[in-house]
Amino acid sequence: MPLSRRLPKRGFKNPFKKEIAVINVSQLRIFPEGSVVDAEVLTARGLVKKGRDGVKLLGKGEISHPVTVKLGSISQSARAKIEAAGGSVI
């Protein structure tokens, strides 16, 4: 009998798993003041790879200038830091 059939199979691979790209607030510093940041802009700048199911903005780091963010999911701490800097979240 072949070795691959004799060894036990381990784990589970979910075929419906969503791959969410993670971006931190500190990575938004590369955008100029007043710019609009969405998934297409992040992909064009190379911060997110193509083929992902979505983008989530997390609150690690600081931002000092206002930007407008249009993303599907944003953490509460990231929303608070962007709005404290004078930006907006849509």
N, C-alpha and C. Protein backbone atom coordinates (compact mmCIF):
# COMPACT_ATOMS: atom_id res chain seq x y z
N MET A 1 0.85 -1.17 0.00
CA MET A 1 0.00 0.00 0.00
C MET A 1 0.90 1.25 0.00
N PRO A 2 0.57 2.29 -0.77
CA PRO A 2 1.42 3.49 -0.82
C PRO A 2 1.47 4.22 0.53
N LEU A 3 2.57 4.91 0.73
CA LEU A 3 2.79 5.61 1.99
C LEU A 3 1.72 6.68 2.23
N SER A 4 1.28 7.37 1.18
CA SER A 4 0.28 8.43 1.35
C SER A 4 -1.06 7.90 1.84
N ARG A 5 -1.36 6.64 1.58
CA ARG A 5 -2.61 6.05 2.07
C ARG A 5 -2.44 5.47 3.47
N ARG A 6 -1.20 5.14 3.84
CA ARG A 6 -0.97 4.56 5.16
C ARG A 6 -0.93 5.61 6.26
N LEU A 7 -0.50 6.83 5.93
CA LEU A 7 -0.38 7.88 6.94
C LEU A 7 -1.74 8.53 7.19
N PRO A 8 -2.00 8.94 8.45
CA PRO A 8 -3.30 9.57 8.74
C PRO A 8 -3.38 10.99 8.17
N LYS A 9 -4.56 11.38 7.82
CA LYS A 9 -4.80 12.74 7.32
C LYS A 9 -5.12 13.63 8.52
N ARG A 10 -4.52 14.82 8.53
CA ARG A 10 -4.67 15.72 9.68
C ARG A 10 -5.32 17.02 9.26
N GLY A 11 -6.13 17.59 10.14
CA GLY A 11 -6.65 18.93 9.97
C GLY A 11 -7.82 19.03 9.01
N PHE A 12 -8.21 20.27 8.80
CA PHE A 12 -9.34 20.57 7.94
C PHE A 12 -9.01 21.84 7.16
N LYS A 13 -9.24 21.84 5.87
CA LYS A 13 -9.00 22.99 5.01
C LYS A 13 -10.34 23.52 4.54
N ASN A 14 -10.71 24.69 5.00
CA ASN A 14 -12.00 25.28 4.67
C ASN A 14 -11.94 25.88 3.26
N PRO A 15 -12.72 25.38 2.32
CA PRO A 15 -12.68 25.94 0.96
C PRO A 15 -13.39 27.28 0.84
N PHE A 16 -14.16 27.67 1.85
CA PHE A 16 -14.93 28.92 1.81
C PHE A 16 -14.31 30.02 2.66
N LYS A 17 -13.07 29.83 3.12
CA LYS A 17 -12.40 30.82 3.96
C LYS A 17 -12.18 32.12 3.19
N LYS A 18 -12.45 33.24 3.84
CA LYS A 18 -12.23 34.54 3.22
C LYS A 18 -10.85 35.07 3.62
N GLU A 19 -10.12 35.57 2.65
CA GLU A 19 -8.80 36.15 2.90
C GLU A 19 -8.95 37.66 3.02
N ILE A 20 -8.79 38.17 4.22
CA ILE A 20 -8.94 39.59 4.49
C ILE A 20 -7.55 40.19 4.65
N ALA A 21 -7.26 41.22 3.89
CA ALA A 21 -5.99 41.94 4.02
C ALA A 21 -6.09 42.90 5.20
N VAL A 22 -5.02 43.04 5.94
CA VAL A 22 -4.99 43.88 7.14
C VAL A 22 -4.07 45.07 6.89
N ILE A 23 -4.58 46.26 7.16
CA ILE A 23 -3.83 47.51 7.04
C ILE A 23 -3.90 48.23 8.38
N ASN A 24 -2.80 48.83 8.80
CA ASN A 24 -2.78 49.60 10.04
C ASN A 24 -2.87 51.09 9.74
N VAL A 25 -3.30 51.85 10.74
CA VAL A 25 -3.44 53.31 10.58
C VAL A 25 -2.09 53.94 10.26
N SER A 26 -1.02 53.40 10.81
CA SER A 26 0.31 53.97 10.56
C SER A 26 0.71 53.88 9.08
N GLN A 27 0.14 52.94 8.34
CA GLN A 27 0.46 52.80 6.92
C GLN A 27 -0.25 53.84 6.06
N LEU A 28 -1.20 54.56 6.62
CA LEU A 28 -1.92 55.60 5.88
C LEU A 28 -1.14 56.91 5.83
N ARG A 29 0.01 56.97 6.50
CA ARG A 29 0.82 58.19 6.50
C ARG A 29 1.40 58.51 5.13
N ILE A 30 1.47 57.54 4.23
CA ILE A 30 2.07 57.78 2.91
C ILE A 30 1.13 58.57 2.00
N PHE A 31 -0.15 58.66 2.36
CA PHE A 31 -1.11 59.39 1.54
C PHE A 31 -1.11 60.86 1.95
N PRO A 32 -1.23 61.78 0.98
CA PRO A 32 -1.22 63.21 1.32
C PRO A 32 -2.49 63.62 2.06
N GLU A 33 -2.42 64.78 2.65
CA GLU A 33 -3.54 65.31 3.43
C GLU A 33 -4.77 65.51 2.55
N GLY A 34 -5.92 65.05 3.03
CA GLY A 34 -7.17 65.23 2.31
C GLY A 34 -7.44 64.20 1.22
N SER A 35 -6.60 63.19 1.08
CA SER A 35 -6.82 62.19 0.02
C SER A 35 -7.89 61.19 0.43
N VAL A 36 -8.45 60.52 -0.57
CA VAL A 36 -9.47 59.49 -0.36
C VAL A 36 -8.79 58.13 -0.49
N VAL A 37 -8.94 57.29 0.53
CA VAL A 37 -8.29 55.98 0.56
C VAL A 37 -9.38 54.91 0.48
N ASP A 38 -9.29 54.06 -0.55
CA ASP A 38 -10.20 52.92 -0.66
C ASP A 38 -9.39 51.70 -1.09
N ALA A 39 -10.06 50.57 -1.32
CA ALA A 39 -9.36 49.33 -1.63
C ALA A 39 -8.57 49.42 -2.93
N GLU A 40 -9.10 50.12 -3.93
CA GLU A 40 -8.40 50.23 -5.21
C GLU A 40 -7.11 51.03 -5.07
N VAL A 41 -7.15 52.09 -4.27
CA VAL A 41 -5.96 52.92 -4.06
C VAL A 41 -4.90 52.13 -3.30
N LEU A 42 -5.32 51.35 -2.30
CA LEU A 42 -4.38 50.54 -1.54
C LEU A 42 -3.73 49.47 -2.42
N THR A 43 -4.49 48.90 -3.34
CA THR A 43 -3.94 47.91 -4.27
C THR A 43 -2.97 48.56 -5.25
N ALA A 44 -3.32 49.75 -5.73
CA ALA A 44 -2.44 50.46 -6.67
C ALA A 44 -1.11 50.85 -6.01
N ARG A 45 -1.15 51.20 -4.73
CA ARG A 45 0.07 51.58 -4.01
C ARG A 45 0.89 50.38 -3.56
N GLY A 46 0.34 49.16 -3.64
CA GLY A 46 1.07 47.96 -3.26
C GLY A 46 0.93 47.57 -1.80
N LEU A 47 0.01 48.18 -1.07
CA LEU A 47 -0.19 47.82 0.33
C LEU A 47 -1.06 46.57 0.47
N VAL A 48 -1.86 46.27 -0.55
CA VAL A 48 -2.74 45.10 -0.54
C VAL A 48 -2.51 44.33 -1.83
N LYS A 49 -2.40 43.02 -1.71
CA LYS A 49 -2.25 42.19 -2.90
C LYS A 49 -3.60 41.99 -3.57
N LYS A 50 -3.58 41.75 -4.86
CA LYS A 50 -4.81 41.48 -5.59
C LYS A 50 -5.34 40.10 -5.21
N GLY A 51 -6.63 39.90 -5.39
CA GLY A 51 -7.23 38.60 -5.12
C GLY A 51 -7.68 38.40 -3.70
N ARG A 52 -7.68 39.44 -2.90
CA ARG A 52 -8.16 39.33 -1.52
C ARG A 52 -9.66 39.56 -1.49
N ASP A 53 -10.31 39.07 -0.44
CA ASP A 53 -11.76 39.19 -0.31
C ASP A 53 -12.20 40.49 0.37
N GLY A 54 -11.29 41.23 0.93
CA GLY A 54 -11.64 42.48 1.58
C GLY A 54 -10.44 43.07 2.27
N VAL A 55 -10.64 44.27 2.82
CA VAL A 55 -9.57 44.98 3.53
C VAL A 55 -10.13 45.44 4.86
N LYS A 56 -9.37 45.25 5.93
CA LYS A 56 -9.76 45.72 7.25
C LYS A 56 -8.69 46.67 7.77
N LEU A 57 -9.12 47.80 8.28
CA LEU A 57 -8.22 48.81 8.84
C LEU A 57 -8.17 48.64 10.35
N LEU A 58 -6.97 48.45 10.90
CA LEU A 58 -6.77 48.29 12.33
C LEU A 58 -6.12 49.55 12.90
N GLY A 59 -6.20 49.73 14.21
CA GLY A 59 -5.79 50.96 14.86
C GLY A 59 -4.37 51.02 15.35
N LYS A 60 -3.44 50.24 14.85
CA LYS A 60 -2.06 50.28 15.31
C LYS A 60 -1.34 51.45 14.68
N GLY A 61 -0.73 52.28 15.49
CA GLY A 61 0.01 53.44 14.99
C GLY A 61 -0.80 54.72 15.12
N GLU A 62 -0.23 55.79 14.60
CA GLU A 62 -0.85 57.11 14.68
C GLU A 62 -0.88 57.75 13.31
N ILE A 63 -1.78 58.70 13.13
CA ILE A 63 -1.85 59.50 11.91
C ILE A 63 -2.09 60.95 12.35
N SER A 64 -1.41 61.88 11.69
CA SER A 64 -1.49 63.28 12.13
C SER A 64 -2.24 64.18 11.16
N HIS A 65 -2.53 63.71 9.94
CA HIS A 65 -3.23 64.55 8.98
C HIS A 65 -4.54 63.88 8.56
N PRO A 66 -5.53 64.67 8.15
CA PRO A 66 -6.85 64.10 7.83
C PRO A 66 -6.87 63.40 6.47
N VAL A 67 -7.50 62.23 6.43
CA VAL A 67 -7.75 61.48 5.21
C VAL A 67 -9.18 60.94 5.27
N THR A 68 -9.75 60.68 4.10
CA THR A 68 -11.07 60.08 4.03
C THR A 68 -10.89 58.61 3.68
N VAL A 69 -11.47 57.73 4.49
CA VAL A 69 -11.30 56.29 4.32
C VAL A 69 -12.63 55.68 3.91
N LYS A 70 -12.62 54.91 2.82
CA LYS A 70 -13.81 54.20 2.34
C LYS A 70 -13.48 52.72 2.27
N LEU A 71 -13.70 52.01 3.37
CA LEU A 71 -13.43 50.58 3.45
C LEU A 71 -14.62 49.86 4.05
N GLY A 72 -14.67 48.56 3.85
CA GLY A 72 -15.79 47.77 4.33
C GLY A 72 -15.76 47.53 5.82
N SER A 73 -14.59 47.30 6.40
CA SER A 73 -14.53 47.04 7.83
C SER A 73 -13.37 47.82 8.45
N ILE A 74 -13.69 48.49 9.54
CA ILE A 74 -12.73 49.34 10.24
C ILE A 74 -12.92 49.11 11.73
N SER A 75 -11.84 48.95 12.46
CA SER A 75 -11.94 48.76 13.90
C SER A 75 -12.32 50.09 14.57
N GLN A 76 -12.85 49.98 15.78
CA GLN A 76 -13.28 51.18 16.50
C GLN A 76 -12.11 52.09 16.85
N SER A 77 -10.97 51.51 17.19
CA SER A 77 -9.82 52.35 17.53
C SER A 77 -9.28 53.08 16.30
N ALA A 78 -9.32 52.43 15.14
CA ALA A 78 -8.87 53.08 13.91
C ALA A 78 -9.82 54.22 13.54
N ARG A 79 -11.11 54.00 13.69
CA ARG A 79 -12.10 55.05 13.42
C ARG A 79 -11.88 56.26 14.33
N ALA A 80 -11.61 56.00 15.61
CA ALA A 80 -11.39 57.09 16.56
C ALA A 80 -10.13 57.88 16.22
N LYS A 81 -9.06 57.22 15.80
CA LYS A 81 -7.80 57.91 15.49
C LYS A 81 -7.94 58.74 14.22
N ILE A 82 -8.65 58.23 13.23
CA ILE A 82 -8.84 58.99 11.99
C ILE A 82 -9.70 60.21 12.22
N GLU A 83 -10.77 60.05 12.99
CA GLU A 83 -11.65 61.19 13.27
C GLU A 83 -10.99 62.20 14.20
N ALA A 84 -10.10 61.75 15.09
CA ALA A 84 -9.36 62.68 15.96
C ALA A 84 -8.37 63.53 15.15
N ALA A 85 -7.87 62.97 14.05
CA ALA A 85 -6.94 63.71 13.20
C ALA A 85 -7.66 64.66 12.25
N GLY A 86 -9.00 64.62 12.24
CA GLY A 86 -9.77 65.51 11.37
C GLY A 86 -10.27 64.84 10.11
N GLY A 87 -10.04 63.55 9.95
CA GLY A 87 -10.49 62.83 8.77
C GLY A 87 -11.89 62.27 8.95
N SER A 88 -12.35 61.54 7.95
CA SER A 88 -13.67 60.95 8.04
C SER A 88 -13.64 59.52 7.55
N VAL A 89 -14.62 58.73 8.03
CA VAL A 89 -14.74 57.33 7.67
C VAL A 89 -16.10 57.12 7.04
N ILE A 90 -16.10 56.55 5.83
CA ILE A 90 -17.36 56.31 5.12
C ILE A 90 -17.57 54.82 5.00
